[in-house]
Amino acid sequence: MIQNKKKNVRYIGVDVLTEAKNRIRHVISSFDELVCAFSGGKDSLVIIHLVREVYDELGMSQPVKVIFRDEELIPDDVIQFVLDVKADTKRFDLTYFAIPMMSEKYLLGKKYEYIQWDNDREWIRPKPDCAITTTNSHKPLSQYSMDKFCIQGLKGKVAMVNGIRSDESLVRFRSCINKRNENYINATESPNVKLVKPIFDWSENDVFRYFYDKQIRYCSIYDLQVWNKQALRVSTPLHAETAKELYKLKTLYPIFYQQVMDLFPEMITHERYFKDLDRFSIINRYPKSWRGIHLYIKENINDPKMRAMAYKRVEFTQKLRANNQATGSAGRPENMWGYPIMYVFQQVINGSYKRKIQPLKIPTKAHVAYENIN
């Protein structure tokens, strides 16, 4: 450790790989159970290999416990990659889940719910024989109840280790810095379960450098995405970010693309007209105030639960801005205390209200002009 006494700044001379392994060792010694959440993607692949590496260094011969949630609308090469990991029984103990779960599809600027593995429609492919399923009468799970379902057999203090990295989004960054100590360990809705993010400070280059140095094979989808000029991610094509470039799916996986369109034909309209959609032009139809956002929510968000959540998030940002503005303790007038009204409105239109809306560091000229602030 190097300390700069003049500025009272400390620099820790440890690389991210060493630090990630130190975190995993701490988790192993602090929890009764450790299980890795695996998606078939690059970040969670790093996690299961890092845990395996630490196990070997500690002389622990048991396989690493891994859970995989099959979201149905996943390309075949990703599924096969997951099944290859499952076949490596000496190193990994992978439990495969294919259970009806609530999800979202992004259609022309709005989000609508649908059910993965819905028993009332055709599936995009059969479930693997190894998959744990539920009966047809079982109520579809939410993302949070699904987590509880997957770890219900584990006892004591449980560490759910995942591959979340803070450089992927501001929301993830904020979740990783909200504690001074053990900031990579976060609470969940279950008091005995903690969410562990040992590679939160890794970059994408760190991930692929690890694969290169350790000679680890990753899923071929990433090589295809590079050539297709897409972001490197494994997710269903109906999620907001991937749906915005749905047209690229036909060049990446033409058969899979057609299967998705056969099941969700409404997405053809989305693909055709999304480029021409000016999602934010609707803002000008409403009063340039917090009342305008509330009116938009009332008229455009039909689901009662989603509407209530949107109201809650907007009211939180409104009160936070008012409090900060009154005390001057968090933010300056020129950044509008982190919450320009137009910015909050845009977050609502984007559907980014499931979690707390994060503050904006530097507003644009449009944000300032919207409130007519000189």
Protein backbone atom coordinates (compact mmCIF):
# COMPACT_ATOMS: atom_id res chain seq x y z
CA MET A 1 0.00 0.00 0.00
CA ILE A 2 1.26 3.45 -0.95
CA GLN A 3 0.01 6.42 1.01
CA ASN A 4 0.12 10.02 -0.19
CA LYS A 5 0.06 11.94 3.10
CA LYS A 6 -0.28 15.32 1.40
CA LYS A 7 -3.59 14.44 -0.20
CA ASN A 8 -4.52 11.69 2.29
CA VAL A 9 -5.09 9.27 -0.61
CA ARG A 10 -4.26 5.58 -0.46
CA TYR A 11 -3.39 3.39 -3.42
CA ILE A 12 -3.63 -0.37 -3.01
CA GLY A 13 -1.03 -2.17 -5.11
CA VAL A 14 -3.27 -5.19 -5.85
CA ASP A 15 -4.58 -6.20 -9.26
CA VAL A 16 -8.27 -6.95 -9.76
CA LEU A 17 -7.69 -10.69 -10.18
CA THR A 18 -5.91 -11.02 -6.84
CA GLU A 19 -8.49 -8.87 -5.11
CA ALA A 20 -11.39 -10.89 -6.56
CA LYS A 21 -9.87 -14.11 -5.27
CA ASN A 22 -9.33 -12.53 -1.85
CA ARG A 23 -13.02 -11.61 -1.77
CA ILE A 24 -14.02 -15.15 -2.66
CA ARG A 25 -11.80 -16.55 0.11
CA HIS A 26 -13.47 -14.20 2.57
CA VAL A 27 -16.92 -15.31 1.42
CA ILE A 28 -15.98 -19.00 1.73
CA SER A 29 -14.88 -18.47 5.33
CA SER A 30 -17.90 -16.29 6.22
CA PHE A 31 -20.86 -18.21 4.73
CA ASP A 32 -22.27 -21.69 5.14
CA GLU A 33 -23.10 -22.11 1.45
CA LEU A 34 -21.72 -20.60 -1.74
CA VAL A 35 -23.59 -20.89 -5.04
CA CYS A 36 -22.79 -19.20 -8.34
CA ALA A 37 -25.46 -17.70 -10.60
CA PHE A 38 -24.54 -18.62 -14.18
CA SER A 39 -26.08 -17.30 -17.40
CA GLY A 40 -23.72 -18.81 -19.94
CA GLY A 41 -22.27 -15.32 -20.39
CA LYS A 42 -18.74 -14.06 -20.01
CA ASP A 43 -18.98 -12.40 -16.58
CA SER A 44 -20.63 -15.32 -14.80
CA LEU A 45 -18.18 -17.65 -16.58
CA VAL A 46 -15.35 -15.76 -14.90
CA ILE A 47 -17.10 -16.26 -11.56
CA ILE A 48 -17.44 -20.04 -11.72
CA HIS A 49 -13.81 -20.43 -12.81
CA LEU A 50 -12.53 -18.02 -10.15
CA VAL A 51 -14.39 -19.92 -7.43
CA ARG A 52 -13.07 -23.21 -8.81
CA GLU A 53 -9.54 -21.76 -8.79
CA VAL A 54 -9.85 -20.64 -5.16
CA TYR A 55 -11.31 -24.02 -4.18
CA ASP A 56 -8.27 -25.74 -5.70
CA GLU A 57 -5.88 -23.37 -3.89
CA LEU A 58 -7.62 -24.12 -0.59
CA GLY A 59 -7.59 -27.87 -1.19
CA MET A 60 -11.39 -28.06 -1.52
CA SER A 61 -12.24 -30.94 -3.85
CA GLN A 62 -16.03 -30.56 -3.96
CA PRO A 63 -17.56 -29.21 -7.19
CA VAL A 64 -18.66 -25.59 -7.31
CA LYS A 65 -22.43 -25.23 -6.90
CA VAL A 66 -23.90 -23.44 -9.92
CA ILE A 67 -27.48 -22.54 -10.85
CA PHE A 68 -28.69 -21.71 -14.35
CA ARG A 69 -32.10 -20.19 -15.12
CA ASP A 70 -33.14 -20.95 -18.69
CA GLU A 71 -35.03 -17.88 -19.98
CA GLU A 72 -36.32 -19.83 -23.02
CA LEU A 73 -35.55 -17.18 -25.67
CA ILE A 74 -31.86 -18.02 -25.67
CA PRO A 75 -29.85 -19.12 -28.75
CA ASP A 76 -28.93 -22.80 -29.02
CA ASP A 77 -25.18 -22.23 -28.80
CA VAL A 78 -25.58 -20.58 -25.39
CA ILE A 79 -27.72 -23.47 -24.15
CA GLN A 80 -25.19 -26.00 -25.44
CA PHE A 81 -22.38 -24.09 -23.72
CA VAL A 82 -24.28 -24.29 -20.42
CA LEU A 83 -24.86 -28.02 -20.91
CA ASP A 84 -21.12 -28.47 -21.51
CA VAL A 85 -20.43 -26.84 -18.14
CA LYS A 86 -23.01 -29.11 -16.54
CA ALA A 87 -21.23 -32.14 -18.02
CA ASP A 88 -18.02 -31.13 -16.21
CA THR A 89 -19.24 -32.79 -13.00
CA LYS A 90 -15.83 -33.00 -11.32
CA ARG A 91 -15.47 -29.24 -11.21
CA PHE A 92 -19.06 -27.95 -11.30
CA ASP A 93 -22.38 -29.07 -9.85
CA LEU A 94 -24.81 -27.20 -12.13
CA THR A 95 -28.54 -27.25 -11.45
CA TYR A 96 -30.61 -26.37 -14.52
CA PHE A 97 -33.98 -24.60 -14.04
CA ALA A 98 -36.61 -24.13 -16.78
CA ILE A 99 -39.59 -22.69 -14.93
CA PRO A 100 -42.35 -20.26 -15.98
CA MET A 101 -41.16 -16.80 -14.95
CA MET A 102 -42.46 -13.29 -15.55
CA SER A 103 -40.41 -11.25 -18.00
CA GLU A 104 -40.72 -8.19 -20.23
CA LYS A 105 -40.78 -7.41 -23.93
CA TYR A 106 -39.95 -3.96 -25.21
CA LEU A 107 -42.35 -2.84 -27.94
CA LEU A 108 -42.14 0.63 -29.54
CA GLY A 109 -41.06 2.44 -26.41
CA LYS A 110 -43.21 0.55 -23.91
CA LYS A 111 -42.68 -2.56 -21.81
CA TYR A 112 -45.19 -5.41 -21.63
CA GLU A 113 -45.12 -8.54 -19.52
CA TYR A 114 -44.91 -12.04 -20.92
CA ILE A 115 -44.18 -15.44 -19.36
CA GLN A 116 -41.09 -17.46 -20.13
CA TRP A 117 -41.94 -21.16 -20.61
CA ASP A 118 -45.63 -20.24 -20.65
CA ASN A 119 -47.65 -23.46 -20.52
CA ASP A 120 -50.44 -21.81 -22.55
CA ARG A 121 -48.38 -21.28 -25.71
CA GLU A 122 -45.85 -23.10 -27.87
CA TRP A 123 -42.24 -23.01 -26.66
CA ILE A 124 -39.33 -21.97 -28.80
CA ARG A 125 -37.63 -25.33 -28.09
CA PRO A 126 -38.09 -28.32 -25.78
CA LYS A 127 -36.79 -28.17 -22.24
CA PRO A 128 -33.64 -30.26 -21.67
CA ASP A 129 -34.20 -33.58 -19.92
CA CYS A 130 -31.98 -32.43 -17.05
CA ALA A 131 -34.08 -29.32 -16.33
CA ILE A 132 -35.96 -28.85 -13.08
CA THR A 133 -39.53 -27.79 -13.91
CA THR A 134 -42.84 -27.17 -12.16
CA THR A 135 -46.37 -28.43 -12.71
CA ASN A 136 -48.73 -26.65 -15.10
CA SER A 137 -50.72 -25.31 -12.15
CA HIS A 138 -47.69 -23.63 -10.60
CA LYS A 139 -47.97 -19.83 -10.61
CA PRO A 140 -45.28 -18.08 -12.73
CA LEU A 141 -42.45 -16.78 -10.59
CA SER A 142 -41.03 -13.28 -10.49
CA GLN A 143 -37.31 -12.65 -10.74
CA TYR A 144 -37.04 -12.40 -6.95
CA SER A 145 -39.22 -15.39 -6.11
CA MET A 146 -37.25 -17.36 -8.71
CA ASP A 147 -34.03 -16.69 -6.78
CA LYS A 148 -35.68 -18.02 -3.61
CA PHE A 149 -36.95 -21.07 -5.48
CA CYS A 150 -33.49 -21.91 -6.82
CA ILE A 151 -31.77 -21.86 -3.42
CA GLN A 152 -34.57 -23.23 -1.25
CA GLY A 153 -32.60 -26.37 -0.39
CA LEU A 154 -29.56 -24.50 0.94
CA LYS A 155 -29.19 -24.03 4.71
CA GLY A 156 -27.62 -21.36 6.88
CA LYS A 157 -25.96 -18.21 5.51
CA VAL A 158 -25.98 -18.36 1.72
CA ALA A 159 -23.74 -16.38 -0.63
CA MET A 160 -25.18 -15.97 -4.12
CA VAL A 161 -22.13 -15.08 -6.21
CA ASN A 162 -22.67 -13.37 -9.55
CA GLY A 163 -20.71 -11.59 -12.28
CA ILE A 164 -22.10 -8.07 -11.95
CA ARG A 165 -19.57 -5.43 -13.01
CA SER A 166 -19.98 -1.76 -12.10
CA ASP A 167 -18.77 -0.37 -15.43
CA GLU A 168 -21.84 -1.79 -17.22
CA SER A 169 -24.27 0.79 -15.85
CA LEU A 170 -24.59 3.60 -13.31
CA VAL A 171 -27.18 1.59 -11.39
CA ARG A 172 -24.72 -1.27 -10.95
CA PHE A 173 -21.95 1.16 -10.01
CA ARG A 174 -24.09 2.72 -7.30
CA SER A 175 -25.02 -0.70 -5.91
CA CYS A 176 -21.33 -1.51 -5.51
CA ILE A 177 -20.26 1.64 -3.66
CA ASN A 178 -23.09 2.12 -1.16
CA LYS A 179 -21.08 0.56 1.69
CA ARG A 180 -17.65 1.44 3.02
CA ASN A 181 -16.76 -2.10 4.07
CA GLU A 182 -17.51 -5.28 2.13
CA ASN A 183 -19.13 -3.18 -0.57
CA TYR A 184 -19.22 -6.24 -2.84
CA ILE A 185 -21.63 -8.02 -0.45
CA ASN A 186 -25.22 -6.76 -0.62
CA ALA A 187 -28.46 -7.68 1.10
CA THR A 188 -31.40 -9.40 -0.59
CA GLU A 189 -35.04 -9.85 0.37
CA SER A 190 -34.05 -13.04 2.21
CA PRO A 191 -32.25 -12.30 5.50
CA ASN A 192 -30.00 -15.37 5.18
CA VAL A 193 -28.97 -14.70 1.56
CA LYS A 194 -26.40 -12.16 0.41
CA LEU A 195 -25.56 -11.10 -3.13
CA VAL A 196 -21.80 -11.22 -3.74
CA LYS A 197 -20.07 -9.34 -6.58
CA PRO A 198 -16.37 -10.23 -6.48
CA ILE A 199 -15.54 -8.80 -9.93
CA PHE A 200 -17.50 -5.55 -9.60
CA ASP A 201 -14.33 -3.55 -10.39
CA TRP A 202 -13.34 -5.54 -13.50
CA SER A 203 -13.49 -4.13 -17.00
CA GLU A 204 -14.51 -6.08 -20.09
CA ASN A 205 -10.83 -6.23 -21.06
CA ASP A 206 -10.05 -7.80 -17.68
CA VAL A 207 -12.63 -10.51 -18.39
CA PHE A 208 -11.17 -11.52 -21.74
CA ARG A 209 -7.61 -11.21 -20.46
CA TYR A 210 -8.52 -13.76 -17.78
CA PHE A 211 -9.89 -16.14 -20.41
CA TYR A 212 -6.73 -15.71 -22.49
CA ASP A 213 -4.30 -16.23 -19.60
CA LYS A 214 -6.18 -19.24 -18.22
CA GLN A 215 -7.01 -20.73 -21.65
CA ILE A 216 -10.73 -20.79 -20.83
CA ARG A 217 -13.19 -21.38 -23.66
CA TYR A 218 -16.07 -18.90 -23.71
CA CYS A 219 -19.36 -19.09 -25.60
CA SER A 220 -19.04 -18.50 -29.35
CA ILE A 221 -21.87 -15.94 -29.30
CA TYR A 222 -19.34 -13.23 -28.40
CA ASP A 223 -17.22 -13.76 -31.50
CA LEU A 224 -20.38 -13.53 -33.61
CA GLN A 225 -21.47 -10.34 -31.83
CA VAL A 226 -18.11 -8.70 -32.47
CA TRP A 227 -18.44 -9.27 -36.21
CA ASN A 228 -22.09 -8.17 -36.03
CA LYS A 229 -21.07 -4.92 -34.26
CA GLN A 230 -23.23 -5.61 -31.22
CA ALA A 231 -22.74 -5.16 -27.50
CA LEU A 232 -21.31 -8.30 -25.90
CA ARG A 233 -24.16 -9.70 -23.85
CA VAL A 234 -26.25 -12.82 -23.35
CA SER A 235 -29.93 -11.99 -22.93
CA THR A 236 -33.30 -12.58 -24.51
CA PRO A 237 -33.90 -10.53 -27.70
CA LEU A 238 -37.04 -8.94 -26.23
CA HIS A 239 -35.32 -7.04 -23.41
CA ALA A 240 -35.17 -3.27 -23.89
CA GLU A 241 -31.51 -2.93 -24.89
CA THR A 242 -31.41 -5.90 -27.26
CA ALA A 243 -34.86 -5.18 -28.73
CA LYS A 244 -33.62 -1.79 -29.90
CA GLU A 245 -31.40 -3.66 -32.38
CA LEU A 246 -33.72 -6.56 -33.05
CA TYR A 247 -33.00 -6.35 -36.78
CA LYS A 248 -29.46 -7.56 -36.10
CA LEU A 249 -30.74 -10.86 -34.75
CA LYS A 250 -31.65 -12.07 -38.24
CA THR A 251 -28.01 -11.73 -39.36
CA LEU A 252 -26.71 -13.37 -36.19
CA TYR A 253 -29.17 -16.28 -35.85
CA PRO A 254 -31.66 -16.31 -38.77
CA ILE A 255 -33.46 -19.48 -37.66
CA PHE A 256 -33.70 -18.33 -34.05
CA TYR A 257 -34.93 -14.93 -35.29
CA GLN A 258 -37.76 -16.56 -37.21
CA GLN A 259 -38.69 -18.71 -34.21
CA VAL A 260 -38.96 -15.61 -32.02
CA MET A 261 -41.08 -13.81 -34.60
CA ASP A 262 -43.38 -16.81 -34.95
CA LEU A 263 -44.04 -16.77 -31.20
CA PHE A 264 -44.20 -12.96 -30.84
CA PRO A 265 -45.37 -11.58 -34.22
CA GLU A 266 -45.97 -8.15 -32.70
CA MET A 267 -42.20 -7.72 -32.59
CA ILE A 268 -42.17 -7.51 -36.40
CA THR A 269 -43.89 -4.14 -36.08
CA HIS A 270 -41.34 -3.07 -33.47
CA GLU A 271 -38.42 -4.03 -35.71
CA ARG A 272 -39.89 -2.23 -38.69
CA TYR A 273 -40.77 1.09 -37.04
CA PHE A 274 -38.51 1.46 -33.99
CA LYS A 275 -35.89 3.50 -35.88
CA ASP A 276 -38.57 6.04 -36.81
CA LEU A 277 -39.90 6.26 -33.26
CA ASP A 278 -39.11 9.49 -31.45
CA ARG A 279 -39.79 8.24 -27.95
CA PHE A 280 -39.16 11.60 -26.32
CA SER A 281 -41.31 13.78 -28.58
CA ILE A 282 -44.26 12.82 -26.40
CA ILE A 283 -42.74 14.89 -23.58
CA ASN A 284 -43.78 18.09 -25.35
CA ARG A 285 -47.44 17.09 -25.12
CA TYR A 286 -47.42 17.42 -21.34
CA PRO A 287 -46.86 20.33 -18.94
CA LYS A 288 -43.18 21.04 -18.30
CA SER A 289 -43.41 20.14 -14.64
CA TRP A 290 -43.64 17.21 -12.26
CA ARG A 291 -47.38 17.27 -12.92
CA GLY A 292 -46.65 16.50 -16.57
CA ILE A 293 -44.79 13.33 -15.59
CA HIS A 294 -47.67 12.25 -13.38
CA LEU A 295 -50.15 12.81 -16.21
CA TYR A 296 -48.00 10.74 -18.56
CA ILE A 297 -47.90 7.86 -16.06
CA LYS A 298 -51.66 8.01 -15.61
CA GLU A 299 -52.36 7.92 -19.35
CA ASN A 300 -49.65 5.54 -20.60
CA ILE A 301 -48.76 2.95 -17.94
CA ASN A 302 -51.71 0.58 -17.83
CA ASP A 303 -50.48 -2.08 -15.40
CA PRO A 304 -51.53 -1.01 -11.86
CA LYS A 305 -48.37 -2.35 -10.21
CA MET A 306 -46.08 -0.67 -12.74
CA ARG A 307 -48.05 2.57 -12.51
CA ALA A 308 -47.77 2.61 -8.72
CA MET A 309 -44.05 1.93 -8.92
CA ALA A 310 -43.54 4.74 -11.45
CA TYR A 311 -45.39 7.19 -9.19
CA LYS A 312 -43.26 6.08 -6.25
CA ARG A 313 -39.96 6.59 -8.09
CA VAL A 314 -40.92 10.00 -9.43
CA GLU A 315 -42.17 11.21 -6.04
CA PHE A 316 -38.90 10.04 -4.46
CA THR A 317 -36.78 12.03 -6.94
CA GLN A 318 -39.08 15.05 -6.57
CA LYS A 319 -38.75 15.06 -2.77
CA LEU A 320 -35.01 14.40 -2.91
CA ARG A 321 -34.46 17.32 -5.27
CA ALA A 322 -36.59 19.61 -3.10
CA ASN A 323 -34.71 18.62 0.06
CA ASN A 324 -31.31 19.04 -1.55
CA GLN A 325 -32.35 22.34 -3.05
CA ALA A 326 -33.48 23.60 0.36
CA THR A 327 -30.35 22.54 2.24
CA GLY A 328 -27.78 22.90 -0.54
CA SER A 329 -26.10 19.78 0.84
CA ALA A 330 -26.22 17.54 -2.21
CA GLY A 331 -25.78 19.16 -5.57
CA ARG A 332 -25.53 22.59 -7.10
CA PRO A 333 -28.10 24.71 -8.95
CA GLU A 334 -26.25 24.22 -12.24
CA ASN A 335 -26.78 20.44 -12.14
CA MET A 336 -30.36 20.92 -10.91
CA TRP A 337 -29.63 18.80 -7.82
CA GLY A 338 -29.14 15.69 -9.97
CA TYR A 339 -32.76 15.43 -11.08
CA PRO A 340 -33.75 17.67 -14.01
CA ILE A 341 -37.48 17.22 -14.65
CA MET A 342 -36.91 16.37 -18.32
CA TYR A 343 -34.32 13.74 -17.34
CA VAL A 344 -36.71 12.09 -14.88
CA PHE A 345 -39.42 12.17 -17.56
CA GLN A 346 -37.06 10.39 -19.99
CA GLN A 347 -36.29 7.71 -17.41
CA VAL A 348 -40.00 7.04 -16.98
CA ILE A 349 -40.54 6.78 -20.75
CA ASN A 350 -37.57 4.38 -20.93
CA GLY A 351 -39.16 2.22 -18.25
CA SER A 352 -36.23 2.81 -15.90
CA TYR A 353 -38.35 3.06 -12.76
CA LYS A 354 -38.13 -0.48 -11.41
CA ARG A 355 -35.18 0.69 -9.33
CA LYS A 356 -34.46 4.10 -7.87
CA ILE A 357 -33.69 6.64 -10.58
CA GLN A 358 -30.02 7.55 -10.34
CA PRO A 359 -29.01 11.23 -10.33
CA LEU A 360 -27.59 12.91 -13.41
CA LYS A 361 -24.14 14.46 -13.00
CA ILE A 362 -24.22 16.95 -15.87
CA PRO A 363 -27.53 18.05 -17.46
CA THR A 364 -27.71 18.91 -21.15
CA LYS A 365 -28.75 22.29 -22.51
CA ALA A 366 -32.13 20.72 -23.35
CA HIS A 367 -32.64 19.71 -19.71
CA VAL A 368 -31.96 23.26 -18.57
CA ALA A 369 -34.07 24.88 -21.31
CA TYR A 370 -36.99 22.58 -20.48
CA GLU A 371 -37.35 24.23 -17.07
CA ASN A 372 -36.59 27.69 -18.44
CA ILE A 373 -33.76 28.17 -15.97
CA ASN A 374 -31.41 31.06 -16.77
